[in-house]
Amino acid sequence: MSKKEGHFFTEKSTKVEELERGVHHWFSRPDITDSDNLIVVRVDVEPGGGHPFHIHPDMDEVIYVLSGQAEQWLEKEARTLKAGEAVYIPKKMAHATFNESNDPLSFLAILSPAADLEGSMVYVNEEEPWKSLK
């Protein structure tokens, strides 16, 4: 096992990916920090964008709103989260995050334990009851 080292992240050194669900600024994931315990990403979502219903079978997640407003779903319940507010999502719980406002949304997503994020995300947005909710 390799020795894990600390990392400072600057605007230039942060890995940024433009994904369909928003611009992702990665601060921790296994291929960046060699940590198998933690995924941390800032996600910027434009008005009308979002991340449809999905589950993480093996990871817990916290979403913390930095700016803007998130229409946050936990199973069949939705709430509007503003800057400084958060939600805890246990593994295997369906959830979704949308930006229905006219302003950009920025939030931190913190997931643990770390895993291949795409491989450990199961979309359920085409299944009932999720497809009828949003």
N, C-alpha and C. Protein backbone atom coordinates (compact mmCIF):
# COMPACT_ATOMS: atom_id res chain seq x y z
N MET A 1 0.85 -1.19 0.00
CA MET A 1 0.00 0.00 0.00
C MET A 1 0.88 1.24 0.00
N SER A 2 0.55 2.20 -0.84
CA SER A 2 1.35 3.41 -0.91
C SER A 2 1.01 4.34 0.25
N LYS A 3 1.96 5.19 0.57
CA LYS A 3 1.76 6.16 1.64
C LYS A 3 0.88 7.30 1.11
N LYS A 4 -0.18 7.59 1.82
CA LYS A 4 -1.05 8.69 1.43
C LYS A 4 -0.39 10.00 1.84
N GLU A 5 -0.54 11.00 0.99
CA GLU A 5 0.04 12.30 1.25
C GLU A 5 -1.06 13.34 1.24
N GLY A 6 -0.86 14.42 2.00
CA GLY A 6 -1.81 15.52 1.99
C GLY A 6 -1.73 16.28 0.68
N HIS A 7 -2.80 17.00 0.37
CA HIS A 7 -2.86 17.76 -0.87
C HIS A 7 -3.47 19.13 -0.60
N PHE A 8 -2.90 20.15 -1.20
CA PHE A 8 -3.53 21.46 -1.27
C PHE A 8 -4.15 21.57 -2.66
N PHE A 9 -5.30 22.19 -2.73
CA PHE A 9 -5.97 22.35 -4.02
C PHE A 9 -6.09 23.83 -4.34
N THR A 10 -5.59 24.21 -5.50
CA THR A 10 -5.76 25.56 -5.99
C THR A 10 -6.70 25.51 -7.19
N GLU A 11 -7.08 26.66 -7.68
CA GLU A 11 -7.95 26.69 -8.85
C GLU A 11 -7.30 25.94 -10.02
N LYS A 12 -5.98 26.12 -10.18
CA LYS A 12 -5.29 25.49 -11.30
C LYS A 12 -5.05 23.99 -11.09
N SER A 13 -4.89 23.56 -9.84
CA SER A 13 -4.56 22.14 -9.61
C SER A 13 -5.78 21.25 -9.36
N THR A 14 -6.95 21.84 -9.23
CA THR A 14 -8.16 21.05 -9.00
C THR A 14 -8.63 20.42 -10.30
N LYS A 15 -8.90 19.13 -10.27
CA LYS A 15 -9.42 18.43 -11.45
C LYS A 15 -10.88 18.84 -11.63
N VAL A 16 -11.20 19.36 -12.82
CA VAL A 16 -12.55 19.83 -13.12
C VAL A 16 -13.09 19.01 -14.29
N GLU A 17 -14.33 18.54 -14.14
CA GLU A 17 -14.99 17.79 -15.20
C GLU A 17 -16.37 18.39 -15.44
N GLU A 18 -16.69 18.58 -16.70
CA GLU A 18 -18.03 19.04 -17.07
C GLU A 18 -18.86 17.82 -17.42
N LEU A 19 -19.76 17.48 -16.51
CA LEU A 19 -20.64 16.34 -16.70
C LEU A 19 -22.05 16.84 -16.98
N GLU A 20 -22.88 15.97 -17.49
CA GLU A 20 -24.26 16.36 -17.82
C GLU A 20 -24.99 16.94 -16.61
N ARG A 21 -24.66 16.47 -15.42
CA ARG A 21 -25.36 16.91 -14.22
C ARG A 21 -24.72 18.12 -13.53
N GLY A 22 -23.67 18.69 -14.13
CA GLY A 22 -23.05 19.89 -13.58
C GLY A 22 -21.54 19.85 -13.69
N VAL A 23 -20.90 20.97 -13.38
CA VAL A 23 -19.44 21.05 -13.40
C VAL A 23 -18.93 20.54 -12.05
N HIS A 24 -18.04 19.55 -12.08
CA HIS A 24 -17.53 18.91 -10.88
C HIS A 24 -16.09 19.34 -10.62
N HIS A 25 -15.83 19.82 -9.41
CA HIS A 25 -14.50 20.22 -8.94
C HIS A 25 -14.10 19.18 -7.88
N TRP A 26 -13.17 18.29 -8.23
CA TRP A 26 -12.84 17.16 -7.38
C TRP A 26 -11.74 17.49 -6.37
N PHE A 27 -12.01 17.24 -5.09
CA PHE A 27 -11.03 17.46 -4.03
C PHE A 27 -10.53 16.15 -3.42
N SER A 28 -11.34 15.12 -3.48
CA SER A 28 -10.88 13.81 -3.01
C SER A 28 -11.68 12.73 -3.71
N ARG A 29 -10.95 11.80 -4.26
CA ARG A 29 -11.48 10.54 -4.77
C ARG A 29 -10.25 9.65 -4.91
N PRO A 30 -10.42 8.34 -4.99
CA PRO A 30 -9.26 7.46 -4.94
C PRO A 30 -8.15 7.77 -5.93
N ASP A 31 -8.48 8.16 -7.16
CA ASP A 31 -7.42 8.41 -8.14
C ASP A 31 -6.72 9.75 -7.93
N ILE A 32 -7.25 10.61 -7.07
CA ILE A 32 -6.63 11.92 -6.82
C ILE A 32 -5.84 11.92 -5.52
N THR A 33 -6.43 11.38 -4.45
CA THR A 33 -5.79 11.43 -3.13
C THR A 33 -5.32 10.08 -2.63
N ASP A 34 -5.65 9.02 -3.34
CA ASP A 34 -5.33 7.66 -2.92
C ASP A 34 -6.11 7.27 -1.66
N SER A 35 -7.15 8.02 -1.33
CA SER A 35 -7.98 7.68 -0.17
C SER A 35 -9.10 6.75 -0.58
N ASP A 36 -9.26 5.68 0.16
CA ASP A 36 -10.38 4.78 -0.09
C ASP A 36 -11.52 5.05 0.89
N ASN A 37 -11.43 6.18 1.60
CA ASN A 37 -12.43 6.51 2.60
C ASN A 37 -13.31 7.69 2.25
N LEU A 38 -12.91 8.53 1.28
CA LEU A 38 -13.58 9.81 1.14
C LEU A 38 -13.62 10.29 -0.30
N ILE A 39 -14.81 10.74 -0.71
CA ILE A 39 -15.00 11.46 -1.96
C ILE A 39 -15.56 12.82 -1.60
N VAL A 40 -14.94 13.89 -2.11
CA VAL A 40 -15.42 15.25 -1.88
C VAL A 40 -15.39 15.96 -3.22
N VAL A 41 -16.53 16.56 -3.60
CA VAL A 41 -16.63 17.25 -4.88
C VAL A 41 -17.56 18.46 -4.73
N ARG A 42 -17.15 19.57 -5.33
CA ARG A 42 -18.05 20.72 -5.45
C ARG A 42 -18.72 20.61 -6.80
N VAL A 43 -20.04 20.76 -6.80
CA VAL A 43 -20.79 20.66 -8.04
C VAL A 43 -21.50 21.98 -8.29
N ASP A 44 -21.33 22.52 -9.49
CA ASP A 44 -21.99 23.75 -9.91
C ASP A 44 -23.06 23.37 -10.93
N VAL A 45 -24.31 23.75 -10.62
CA VAL A 45 -25.45 23.37 -11.47
C VAL A 45 -26.14 24.63 -11.96
N GLU A 46 -26.27 24.74 -13.26
CA GLU A 46 -26.96 25.89 -13.85
C GLU A 46 -28.48 25.76 -13.65
N PRO A 47 -29.22 26.87 -13.75
CA PRO A 47 -30.68 26.81 -13.64
C PRO A 47 -31.25 25.77 -14.61
N GLY A 48 -32.19 24.98 -14.11
CA GLY A 48 -32.82 23.94 -14.92
C GLY A 48 -32.07 22.62 -14.92
N GLY A 49 -30.86 22.59 -14.36
CA GLY A 49 -30.07 21.37 -14.34
C GLY A 49 -30.28 20.57 -13.08
N GLY A 50 -29.57 19.47 -12.98
CA GLY A 50 -29.67 18.67 -11.78
C GLY A 50 -29.18 17.26 -11.96
N HIS A 51 -29.37 16.48 -10.90
CA HIS A 51 -28.94 15.10 -10.86
C HIS A 51 -30.16 14.24 -10.56
N PRO A 52 -30.66 13.48 -11.55
CA PRO A 52 -31.90 12.73 -11.37
C PRO A 52 -31.79 11.65 -10.29
N PHE A 53 -32.93 11.07 -9.95
CA PHE A 53 -33.00 10.07 -8.89
C PHE A 53 -32.00 8.94 -9.12
N HIS A 54 -31.26 8.63 -8.05
CA HIS A 54 -30.26 7.57 -8.07
C HIS A 54 -30.02 7.10 -6.64
N ILE A 55 -29.31 5.99 -6.52
CA ILE A 55 -28.89 5.50 -5.21
C ILE A 55 -27.40 5.19 -5.27
N HIS A 56 -26.79 5.19 -4.10
CA HIS A 56 -25.42 4.72 -3.93
C HIS A 56 -25.52 3.49 -3.04
N PRO A 57 -25.41 2.29 -3.60
CA PRO A 57 -25.59 1.08 -2.80
C PRO A 57 -24.60 0.93 -1.65
N ASP A 58 -23.40 1.50 -1.80
CA ASP A 58 -22.36 1.25 -0.80
C ASP A 58 -21.80 2.50 -0.15
N MET A 59 -22.40 3.68 -0.40
CA MET A 59 -21.85 4.91 0.15
C MET A 59 -22.93 5.77 0.81
N ASP A 60 -22.58 6.37 1.95
CA ASP A 60 -23.38 7.42 2.56
C ASP A 60 -22.96 8.73 1.91
N GLU A 61 -23.85 9.72 1.94
CA GLU A 61 -23.55 11.01 1.31
C GLU A 61 -24.11 12.15 2.15
N VAL A 62 -23.39 13.26 2.16
CA VAL A 62 -23.88 14.53 2.69
C VAL A 62 -23.77 15.54 1.56
N ILE A 63 -24.85 16.28 1.34
CA ILE A 63 -24.85 17.38 0.39
C ILE A 63 -25.01 18.66 1.18
N TYR A 64 -24.06 19.59 1.00
CA TYR A 64 -24.05 20.87 1.72
C TYR A 64 -24.12 21.99 0.68
N VAL A 65 -25.14 22.82 0.77
CA VAL A 65 -25.34 23.89 -0.21
C VAL A 65 -24.43 25.08 0.12
N LEU A 66 -23.61 25.45 -0.85
CA LEU A 66 -22.70 26.60 -0.70
C LEU A 66 -23.38 27.90 -1.13
N SER A 67 -24.09 27.86 -2.26
CA SER A 67 -24.81 29.04 -2.75
C SER A 67 -25.95 28.59 -3.65
N GLY A 68 -26.94 29.46 -3.77
CA GLY A 68 -28.11 29.14 -4.56
C GLY A 68 -29.10 28.31 -3.76
N GLN A 69 -29.99 27.63 -4.47
CA GLN A 69 -31.01 26.80 -3.84
C GLN A 69 -31.06 25.45 -4.53
N ALA A 70 -31.20 24.41 -3.73
CA ALA A 70 -31.33 23.05 -4.26
C ALA A 70 -32.72 22.52 -3.96
N GLU A 71 -33.38 22.00 -4.98
CA GLU A 71 -34.58 21.22 -4.74
C GLU A 71 -34.07 19.81 -4.46
N GLN A 72 -34.05 19.45 -3.18
CA GLN A 72 -33.45 18.19 -2.76
C GLN A 72 -34.53 17.17 -2.44
N TRP A 73 -34.42 16.02 -3.05
CA TRP A 73 -35.34 14.92 -2.82
C TRP A 73 -34.67 13.83 -2.02
N LEU A 74 -35.40 13.31 -1.03
CA LEU A 74 -35.04 12.10 -0.29
C LEU A 74 -36.23 11.17 -0.44
N GLU A 75 -36.05 10.11 -1.19
CA GLU A 75 -37.18 9.23 -1.50
C GLU A 75 -38.31 10.07 -2.11
N LYS A 76 -39.48 10.16 -1.47
CA LYS A 76 -40.63 10.87 -2.04
C LYS A 76 -40.82 12.27 -1.45
N GLU A 77 -39.90 12.71 -0.61
CA GLU A 77 -40.01 14.02 0.03
C GLU A 77 -39.03 15.01 -0.57
N ALA A 78 -39.51 16.21 -0.89
CA ALA A 78 -38.65 17.26 -1.44
C ALA A 78 -38.63 18.45 -0.50
N ARG A 79 -37.46 19.07 -0.40
CA ARG A 79 -37.30 20.32 0.35
C ARG A 79 -36.36 21.22 -0.43
N THR A 80 -36.53 22.52 -0.21
CA THR A 80 -35.62 23.48 -0.79
C THR A 80 -34.53 23.78 0.22
N LEU A 81 -33.29 23.50 -0.15
CA LEU A 81 -32.15 23.80 0.71
C LEU A 81 -31.46 25.05 0.21
N LYS A 82 -31.12 25.94 1.15
CA LYS A 82 -30.42 27.18 0.84
C LYS A 82 -28.99 27.09 1.35
N ALA A 83 -28.19 28.10 1.03
CA ALA A 83 -26.80 28.14 1.48
C ALA A 83 -26.72 27.91 2.98
N GLY A 84 -25.82 27.02 3.38
CA GLY A 84 -25.62 26.70 4.78
C GLY A 84 -26.46 25.53 5.26
N GLU A 85 -27.31 24.99 4.40
CA GLU A 85 -28.14 23.86 4.78
C GLU A 85 -27.63 22.58 4.10
N ALA A 86 -27.97 21.44 4.70
CA ALA A 86 -27.42 20.18 4.22
C ALA A 86 -28.45 19.06 4.36
N VAL A 87 -28.12 17.94 3.75
CA VAL A 87 -28.92 16.73 3.87
C VAL A 87 -27.97 15.54 4.00
N TYR A 88 -28.34 14.59 4.85
CA TYR A 88 -27.61 13.33 4.98
C TYR A 88 -28.41 12.26 4.24
N ILE A 89 -27.74 11.48 3.41
CA ILE A 89 -28.38 10.45 2.60
C ILE A 89 -27.69 9.12 2.88
N PRO A 90 -28.38 8.21 3.58
CA PRO A 90 -27.75 6.91 3.82
C PRO A 90 -27.67 6.07 2.55
N LYS A 91 -26.75 5.12 2.53
CA LYS A 91 -26.62 4.24 1.37
C LYS A 91 -27.96 3.58 1.07
N LYS A 92 -28.18 3.32 -0.20
CA LYS A 92 -29.37 2.64 -0.72
C LYS A 92 -30.64 3.49 -0.68
N MET A 93 -30.53 4.80 -0.37
CA MET A 93 -31.71 5.67 -0.35
C MET A 93 -31.77 6.48 -1.66
N ALA A 94 -32.91 6.42 -2.34
CA ALA A 94 -33.09 7.19 -3.58
C ALA A 94 -33.10 8.68 -3.26
N HIS A 95 -32.41 9.45 -4.10
CA HIS A 95 -32.34 10.89 -3.90
C HIS A 95 -32.05 11.57 -5.23
N ALA A 96 -32.33 12.87 -5.28
CA ALA A 96 -32.10 13.67 -6.48
C ALA A 96 -31.89 15.11 -6.05
N THR A 97 -31.15 15.86 -6.86
CA THR A 97 -30.89 17.28 -6.60
C THR A 97 -31.12 18.05 -7.89
N PHE A 98 -31.96 19.08 -7.81
CA PHE A 98 -32.27 19.90 -8.99
C PHE A 98 -32.11 21.37 -8.66
N ASN A 99 -31.82 22.16 -9.69
CA ASN A 99 -31.78 23.61 -9.55
C ASN A 99 -32.96 24.17 -10.34
N GLU A 100 -34.04 24.47 -9.63
CA GLU A 100 -35.25 25.01 -10.26
C GLU A 100 -35.31 26.53 -10.15
N SER A 101 -34.25 27.14 -9.64
CA SER A 101 -34.22 28.60 -9.49
C SER A 101 -33.64 29.24 -10.75
N ASN A 102 -33.56 30.56 -10.73
CA ASN A 102 -32.97 31.31 -11.85
C ASN A 102 -31.49 31.60 -11.63
N ASP A 103 -30.94 31.16 -10.50
CA ASP A 103 -29.55 31.42 -10.15
C ASP A 103 -28.75 30.12 -10.12
N PRO A 104 -27.44 30.20 -10.33
CA PRO A 104 -26.61 29.00 -10.23
C PRO A 104 -26.66 28.39 -8.83
N LEU A 105 -26.49 27.09 -8.76
CA LEU A 105 -26.42 26.34 -7.51
C LEU A 105 -25.03 25.76 -7.38
N SER A 106 -24.46 25.86 -6.18
CA SER A 106 -23.17 25.25 -5.90
C SER A 106 -23.28 24.49 -4.58
N PHE A 107 -22.85 23.22 -4.60
CA PHE A 107 -22.89 22.43 -3.36
C PHE A 107 -21.70 21.51 -3.27
N LEU A 108 -21.41 21.10 -2.04
CA LEU A 108 -20.40 20.08 -1.80
C LEU A 108 -21.11 18.75 -1.62
N ALA A 109 -20.59 17.72 -2.25
CA ALA A 109 -21.05 16.36 -2.01
C ALA A 109 -19.90 15.61 -1.37
N ILE A 110 -20.19 14.99 -0.23
CA ILE A 110 -19.18 14.24 0.52
C ILE A 110 -19.70 12.82 0.65
N LEU A 111 -18.94 11.86 0.13
CA LEU A 111 -19.38 10.47 0.12
C LEU A 111 -18.33 9.57 0.77
N SER A 112 -18.82 8.53 1.46
CA SER A 112 -17.90 7.60 2.10
C SER A 112 -18.59 6.25 2.25
N PRO A 113 -17.82 5.16 2.16
CA PRO A 113 -16.42 5.08 1.78
C PRO A 113 -16.27 5.36 0.28
N ALA A 114 -15.08 5.73 -0.10
CA ALA A 114 -14.83 6.05 -1.50
C ALA A 114 -14.95 4.81 -2.37
N ALA A 115 -15.44 5.01 -3.58
CA ALA A 115 -15.59 3.92 -4.54
C ALA A 115 -15.57 4.55 -5.93
N ASP A 116 -15.59 3.74 -6.93
CA ASP A 116 -15.74 4.24 -8.30
C ASP A 116 -17.12 4.88 -8.35
N LEU A 117 -17.18 6.20 -8.39
CA LEU A 117 -18.45 6.92 -8.26
C LEU A 117 -19.45 6.52 -9.33
N GLU A 118 -19.03 6.48 -10.57
CA GLU A 118 -19.97 6.11 -11.64
C GLU A 118 -20.41 4.65 -11.50
N GLY A 119 -19.49 3.80 -11.13
CA GLY A 119 -19.82 2.38 -10.98
C GLY A 119 -20.66 2.08 -9.76
N SER A 120 -20.68 3.00 -8.80
CA SER A 120 -21.44 2.77 -7.57
C SER A 120 -22.68 3.65 -7.50
N MET A 121 -23.12 4.15 -8.64
CA MET A 121 -24.31 4.98 -8.73
C MET A 121 -25.32 4.25 -9.60
N VAL A 122 -26.50 4.01 -9.05
CA VAL A 122 -27.54 3.30 -9.78
C VAL A 122 -28.70 4.26 -10.02
N TYR A 123 -28.96 4.57 -11.28
CA TYR A 123 -30.05 5.49 -11.61
C TYR A 123 -31.38 4.76 -11.50
N VAL A 124 -32.35 5.41 -10.85
CA VAL A 124 -33.69 4.85 -10.69
C VAL A 124 -34.75 5.81 -11.23
N ASN A 125 -34.33 6.87 -11.93
CA ASN A 125 -35.24 7.91 -12.40
C ASN A 125 -36.24 7.43 -13.45
N GLU A 126 -36.00 6.28 -14.06
CA GLU A 126 -36.95 5.73 -15.03
C GLU A 126 -37.89 4.70 -14.42
N GLU A 127 -37.76 4.51 -13.09
CA GLU A 127 -38.58 3.56 -12.36
C GLU A 127 -39.62 4.30 -11.52
N GLU A 128 -40.74 3.62 -11.26
CA GLU A 128 -41.72 4.17 -10.34
C GLU A 128 -41.26 3.92 -8.91
N PRO A 129 -41.54 4.80 -8.00
CA PRO A 129 -42.36 6.01 -8.17
C PRO A 129 -41.55 7.23 -8.64
N TRP A 130 -40.24 7.07 -8.83
CA TRP A 130 -39.37 8.21 -9.09
C TRP A 130 -39.72 8.94 -10.38
N LYS A 131 -40.01 8.20 -11.45
CA LYS A 131 -40.26 8.88 -12.73
C LYS A 131 -41.54 9.70 -12.70
N SER A 132 -42.46 9.41 -11.79
CA SER A 132 -43.69 10.19 -11.67
C SER A 132 -43.53 11.40 -10.76
N LEU A 133 -42.45 11.42 -9.98
CA LEU A 133 -42.25 12.54 -9.05
C LEU A 133 -41.63 13.76 -9.72
N LYS A 134 -40.73 13.52 -10.66
CA LYS A 134 -40.00 14.63 -11.27
C LYS A 134 -39.73 14.35 -12.71
